[in-house]
Amino acid sequence: MKDKLLVVWRWLRDNVFKKDMILWILVAEIIFWSPVIVFAVLALIITPYYWTACSAIILFWAGPFTPAVPLQLALAVGLRKVCGKKKKE
């Protein structure tokens, strides 16, 4: 178990805890929470009933057994790798 935690820590240190990853994590957060942002804007502009959908999405992803943080980190790492490949080409 200790070896697996050490492997995870090394991966996080090599891929996530870098200065350039802060930008990718922010972009991944915006992409991940974009439905909430859209429903909040719709609630402000059109009708307040969209707050129901906005809060339902937030409550779903705030649950204890949802993989929100790993999905966000994976999205950030994936975006970085895709943009890195496009820069190389």
N, C-alpha and C. Protein backbone atom coordinates (compact mmCIF):
# COMPACT_ATOMS: atom_id res chain seq x y z
N MET A 1 0.82 -1.19 0.00
CA MET A 1 0.00 0.00 0.00
C MET A 1 0.87 1.26 0.00
N LYS A 2 1.95 1.19 0.76
CA LYS A 2 2.83 2.35 0.84
C LYS A 2 3.48 2.62 -0.52
N ASP A 3 3.80 1.56 -1.24
CA ASP A 3 4.40 1.73 -2.57
C ASP A 3 3.42 2.37 -3.55
N LYS A 4 2.16 1.98 -3.47
CA LYS A 4 1.15 2.57 -4.36
C LYS A 4 0.95 4.05 -4.06
N LEU A 5 0.93 4.41 -2.78
CA LEU A 5 0.80 5.81 -2.42
C LEU A 5 2.02 6.61 -2.88
N LEU A 6 3.18 6.01 -2.82
CA LEU A 6 4.39 6.66 -3.29
C LEU A 6 4.35 6.88 -4.79
N VAL A 7 3.82 5.92 -5.53
CA VAL A 7 3.69 6.06 -6.99
C VAL A 7 2.70 7.18 -7.31
N VAL A 8 1.59 7.24 -6.59
CA VAL A 8 0.60 8.29 -6.82
C VAL A 8 1.21 9.66 -6.48
N TRP A 9 1.95 9.74 -5.39
CA TRP A 9 2.57 11.00 -5.02
C TRP A 9 3.58 11.45 -6.07
N ARG A 10 4.38 10.53 -6.59
CA ARG A 10 5.34 10.88 -7.64
C ARG A 10 4.63 11.37 -8.89
N TRP A 11 3.52 10.70 -9.26
CA TRP A 11 2.78 11.14 -10.44
C TRP A 11 2.22 12.54 -10.23
N LEU A 12 1.64 12.79 -9.05
CA LEU A 12 1.12 14.12 -8.76
C LEU A 12 2.23 15.17 -8.80
N ARG A 13 3.38 14.85 -8.24
CA ARG A 13 4.48 15.80 -8.22
C ARG A 13 5.01 16.07 -9.62
N ASP A 14 5.05 15.04 -10.44
CA ASP A 14 5.58 15.20 -11.80
C ASP A 14 4.59 15.84 -12.76
N ASN A 15 3.31 15.62 -12.57
CA ASN A 15 2.32 16.08 -13.53
C ASN A 15 1.43 17.23 -13.07
N VAL A 16 1.20 17.35 -11.79
CA VAL A 16 0.21 18.32 -11.33
C VAL A 16 0.84 19.49 -10.57
N PHE A 17 1.78 19.23 -9.70
CA PHE A 17 2.34 20.29 -8.87
C PHE A 17 3.45 21.04 -9.59
N LYS A 18 3.10 21.65 -10.70
CA LYS A 18 4.03 22.47 -11.47
C LYS A 18 3.40 23.83 -11.70
N LYS A 19 4.23 24.81 -11.98
CA LYS A 19 3.72 26.18 -12.15
C LYS A 19 2.83 26.30 -13.38
N ASP A 20 3.18 25.61 -14.47
CA ASP A 20 2.38 25.73 -15.69
C ASP A 20 1.05 24.98 -15.59
N MET A 21 0.94 24.06 -14.64
CA MET A 21 -0.30 23.31 -14.50
C MET A 21 -1.41 24.12 -13.84
N ILE A 22 -1.06 25.20 -13.17
CA ILE A 22 -2.10 26.02 -12.54
C ILE A 22 -3.06 26.55 -13.59
N LEU A 23 -2.51 27.00 -14.72
CA LEU A 23 -3.36 27.48 -15.81
C LEU A 23 -4.25 26.37 -16.34
N TRP A 24 -3.68 25.18 -16.54
CA TRP A 24 -4.47 24.07 -17.07
C TRP A 24 -5.54 23.63 -16.08
N ILE A 25 -5.25 23.69 -14.79
CA ILE A 25 -6.25 23.32 -13.79
C ILE A 25 -7.39 24.33 -13.79
N LEU A 26 -7.07 25.61 -13.94
CA LEU A 26 -8.13 26.63 -14.02
C LEU A 26 -9.00 26.45 -15.25
N VAL A 27 -8.38 26.13 -16.39
CA VAL A 27 -9.15 25.88 -17.61
C VAL A 27 -10.02 24.64 -17.43
N ALA A 28 -9.48 23.60 -16.82
CA ALA A 28 -10.26 22.37 -16.58
C ALA A 28 -11.43 22.64 -15.64
N GLU A 29 -11.21 23.48 -14.63
CA GLU A 29 -12.30 23.84 -13.71
C GLU A 29 -13.41 24.58 -14.45
N ILE A 30 -13.03 25.50 -15.31
CA ILE A 30 -14.04 26.25 -16.08
C ILE A 30 -14.83 25.31 -16.99
N ILE A 31 -14.12 24.38 -17.64
CA ILE A 31 -14.80 23.42 -18.51
C ILE A 31 -15.70 22.50 -17.69
N PHE A 32 -15.19 22.02 -16.57
CA PHE A 32 -15.95 21.08 -15.74
C PHE A 32 -17.20 21.72 -15.16
N TRP A 33 -17.10 22.97 -14.75
CA TRP A 33 -18.24 23.65 -14.13
C TRP A 33 -19.02 24.50 -15.12
N SER A 34 -18.77 24.36 -16.41
CA SER A 34 -19.48 25.17 -17.41
C SER A 34 -21.00 24.97 -17.40
N PRO A 35 -21.53 23.77 -17.17
CA PRO A 35 -23.00 23.66 -17.08
C PRO A 35 -23.58 24.51 -15.94
N VAL A 36 -22.88 24.56 -14.83
CA VAL A 36 -23.34 25.36 -13.71
C VAL A 36 -23.32 26.85 -14.08
N ILE A 37 -22.25 27.26 -14.76
CA ILE A 37 -22.13 28.65 -15.17
C ILE A 37 -23.25 29.01 -16.15
N VAL A 38 -23.52 28.12 -17.10
CA VAL A 38 -24.56 28.37 -18.10
C VAL A 38 -25.93 28.48 -17.42
N PHE A 39 -26.24 27.55 -16.53
CA PHE A 39 -27.54 27.60 -15.86
C PHE A 39 -27.66 28.81 -14.94
N ALA A 40 -26.57 29.24 -14.33
CA ALA A 40 -26.62 30.44 -13.49
C ALA A 40 -26.88 31.68 -14.34
N VAL A 41 -26.25 31.76 -15.49
CA VAL A 41 -26.50 32.90 -16.38
C VAL A 41 -27.94 32.88 -16.89
N LEU A 42 -28.43 31.70 -17.24
CA LEU A 42 -29.83 31.59 -17.67
C LEU A 42 -30.79 31.98 -16.55
N ALA A 43 -30.44 31.62 -15.32
CA ALA A 43 -31.29 31.99 -14.18
C ALA A 43 -31.31 33.49 -13.97
N LEU A 44 -30.19 34.13 -14.21
CA LEU A 44 -30.14 35.58 -14.04
C LEU A 44 -30.86 36.31 -15.17
N ILE A 45 -30.78 35.77 -16.37
CA ILE A 45 -31.34 36.46 -17.53
C ILE A 45 -32.80 36.09 -17.79
N ILE A 46 -33.10 34.80 -17.81
CA ILE A 46 -34.43 34.37 -18.27
C ILE A 46 -35.40 34.18 -17.10
N THR A 47 -35.17 33.15 -16.31
CA THR A 47 -36.10 32.86 -15.23
C THR A 47 -35.35 32.22 -14.06
N PRO A 48 -35.78 32.46 -12.85
CA PRO A 48 -35.07 31.89 -11.70
C PRO A 48 -35.22 30.38 -11.54
N TYR A 49 -36.04 29.75 -12.36
CA TYR A 49 -36.22 28.31 -12.25
C TYR A 49 -34.95 27.55 -12.66
N TYR A 50 -34.07 28.20 -13.37
CA TYR A 50 -32.82 27.55 -13.75
C TYR A 50 -31.88 27.38 -12.56
N TRP A 51 -32.15 28.06 -11.45
CA TRP A 51 -31.34 27.85 -10.25
C TRP A 51 -31.49 26.42 -9.75
N THR A 52 -32.63 25.80 -10.04
CA THR A 52 -32.84 24.41 -9.63
C THR A 52 -31.84 23.49 -10.31
N ALA A 53 -31.69 23.64 -11.62
CA ALA A 53 -30.73 22.81 -12.35
C ALA A 53 -29.30 23.13 -11.92
N CYS A 54 -29.02 24.39 -11.70
CA CYS A 54 -27.70 24.82 -11.26
C CYS A 54 -27.35 24.18 -9.92
N SER A 55 -28.25 24.26 -8.97
CA SER A 55 -27.98 23.70 -7.66
C SER A 55 -27.98 22.17 -7.67
N ALA A 56 -28.77 21.56 -8.55
CA ALA A 56 -28.76 20.09 -8.64
C ALA A 56 -27.41 19.58 -9.14
N ILE A 57 -26.84 20.26 -10.12
CA ILE A 57 -25.52 19.86 -10.63
C ILE A 57 -24.47 20.04 -9.56
N ILE A 58 -24.52 21.16 -8.85
CA ILE A 58 -23.54 21.40 -7.79
C ILE A 58 -23.68 20.35 -6.69
N LEU A 59 -24.90 20.05 -6.28
CA LEU A 59 -25.09 19.06 -5.23
C LEU A 59 -24.67 17.67 -5.67
N PHE A 60 -24.89 17.33 -6.93
CA PHE A 60 -24.46 16.02 -7.41
C PHE A 60 -22.95 15.88 -7.33
N TRP A 61 -22.21 16.86 -7.84
CA TRP A 61 -20.75 16.76 -7.86
C TRP A 61 -20.13 17.03 -6.50
N ALA A 62 -20.87 17.60 -5.56
CA ALA A 62 -20.34 17.82 -4.22
C ALA A 62 -20.54 16.61 -3.32
N GLY A 63 -21.19 15.58 -3.84
CA GLY A 63 -21.43 14.37 -3.07
C GLY A 63 -20.13 13.68 -2.68
N PRO A 64 -20.18 12.87 -1.64
CA PRO A 64 -18.95 12.26 -1.13
C PRO A 64 -18.36 11.17 -2.03
N PHE A 65 -19.16 10.55 -2.88
CA PHE A 65 -18.65 9.44 -3.68
C PHE A 65 -18.57 9.75 -5.17
N THR A 66 -18.51 11.02 -5.52
CA THR A 66 -18.37 11.39 -6.92
C THR A 66 -16.90 11.67 -7.23
N PRO A 67 -16.45 11.30 -8.40
CA PRO A 67 -15.04 11.47 -8.75
C PRO A 67 -14.74 12.84 -9.36
N ALA A 68 -15.17 13.91 -8.71
CA ALA A 68 -15.01 15.24 -9.30
C ALA A 68 -13.55 15.66 -9.39
N VAL A 69 -12.81 15.55 -8.31
CA VAL A 69 -11.42 16.02 -8.31
C VAL A 69 -10.54 15.18 -9.24
N PRO A 70 -10.63 13.85 -9.23
CA PRO A 70 -9.82 13.09 -10.19
C PRO A 70 -10.17 13.39 -11.64
N LEU A 71 -11.45 13.62 -11.93
CA LEU A 71 -11.84 13.98 -13.29
C LEU A 71 -11.28 15.34 -13.70
N GLN A 72 -11.28 16.28 -12.78
CA GLN A 72 -10.75 17.61 -13.08
C GLN A 72 -9.24 17.54 -13.31
N LEU A 73 -8.54 16.79 -12.47
CA LEU A 73 -7.09 16.65 -12.66
C LEU A 73 -6.77 15.92 -13.97
N ALA A 74 -7.55 14.89 -14.27
CA ALA A 74 -7.32 14.15 -15.52
C ALA A 74 -7.61 15.04 -16.73
N LEU A 75 -8.63 15.87 -16.65
CA LEU A 75 -8.93 16.80 -17.74
C LEU A 75 -7.80 17.80 -17.92
N ALA A 76 -7.25 18.30 -16.83
CA ALA A 76 -6.15 19.26 -16.91
C ALA A 76 -4.91 18.63 -17.52
N VAL A 77 -4.58 17.42 -17.10
CA VAL A 77 -3.41 16.72 -17.65
C VAL A 77 -3.63 16.40 -19.12
N GLY A 78 -4.85 15.97 -19.46
CA GLY A 78 -5.15 15.67 -20.86
C GLY A 78 -5.08 16.91 -21.75
N LEU A 79 -5.58 18.03 -21.27
CA LEU A 79 -5.49 19.28 -22.04
C LEU A 79 -4.04 19.69 -22.25
N ARG A 80 -3.23 19.52 -21.20
CA ARG A 80 -1.82 19.87 -21.33
C ARG A 80 -1.12 19.00 -22.36
N LYS A 81 -1.42 17.71 -22.35
CA LYS A 81 -0.78 16.80 -23.29
C LYS A 81 -1.24 17.06 -24.72
N VAL A 82 -2.53 17.35 -24.92
CA VAL A 82 -3.03 17.63 -26.26
C VAL A 82 -2.40 18.91 -26.81
N CYS A 83 -2.35 19.95 -25.98
CA CYS A 83 -1.74 21.20 -26.44
C CYS A 83 -0.24 21.05 -26.64
N GLY A 84 0.40 20.21 -25.86
CA GLY A 84 1.83 19.96 -26.04
C GLY A 84 2.11 19.25 -27.35
N LYS A 85 1.26 18.31 -27.74
CA LYS A 85 1.42 17.63 -29.01
C LYS A 85 1.17 18.58 -30.18
N LYS A 86 0.20 19.46 -30.04
CA LYS A 86 -0.08 20.41 -31.13
C LYS A 86 1.06 21.41 -31.29
N LYS A 87 1.71 21.78 -30.20
CA LYS A 87 2.84 22.70 -30.29
C LYS A 87 4.03 22.03 -30.96
N LYS A 88 4.21 20.73 -30.72
CA LYS A 88 5.33 20.01 -31.32
C LYS A 88 5.15 19.84 -32.83
N GLU A 89 3.91 19.74 -33.27
CA GLU A 89 3.64 19.54 -34.70
C GLU A 89 3.75 20.79 -35.45
